[in-house]
Amino acid sequence: MIEVLIYTLSDRLIQVPFTPIALIGTAVSFIIGFRNNSAHGRIWETRQIWRTIVNSSRTFWNDGQNLINNYYSYFVMLRLFNEIP
């Protein structure tokens, strides 16, 4: 059905030369390429920020664990020193 419609209307359809379509396609591909490149840059920057957050939280956790262990050790030492006559 569609083939018959295209065949009968082929004389009435607008004939567009190939050159403008090729130029527009090239321009669109450049635009998409640059957008893809900038998106990759934003993703990379986000990964670096996320890595910084993860490393900072790990450091914070380790410092907290060391503080708790040192605090506990301090009380153990106080208890031992108080037991010495």
Foldseek 3Di string as FASTA:
>chain_A
DVVVVCVVCVVVDDDDDDVVVVVVVVVVVVVVVVVVVVVVVVVVVVVVVVVVVVVVVVVVVVVVVVVVVVVVVVVVVVVVVVPPD
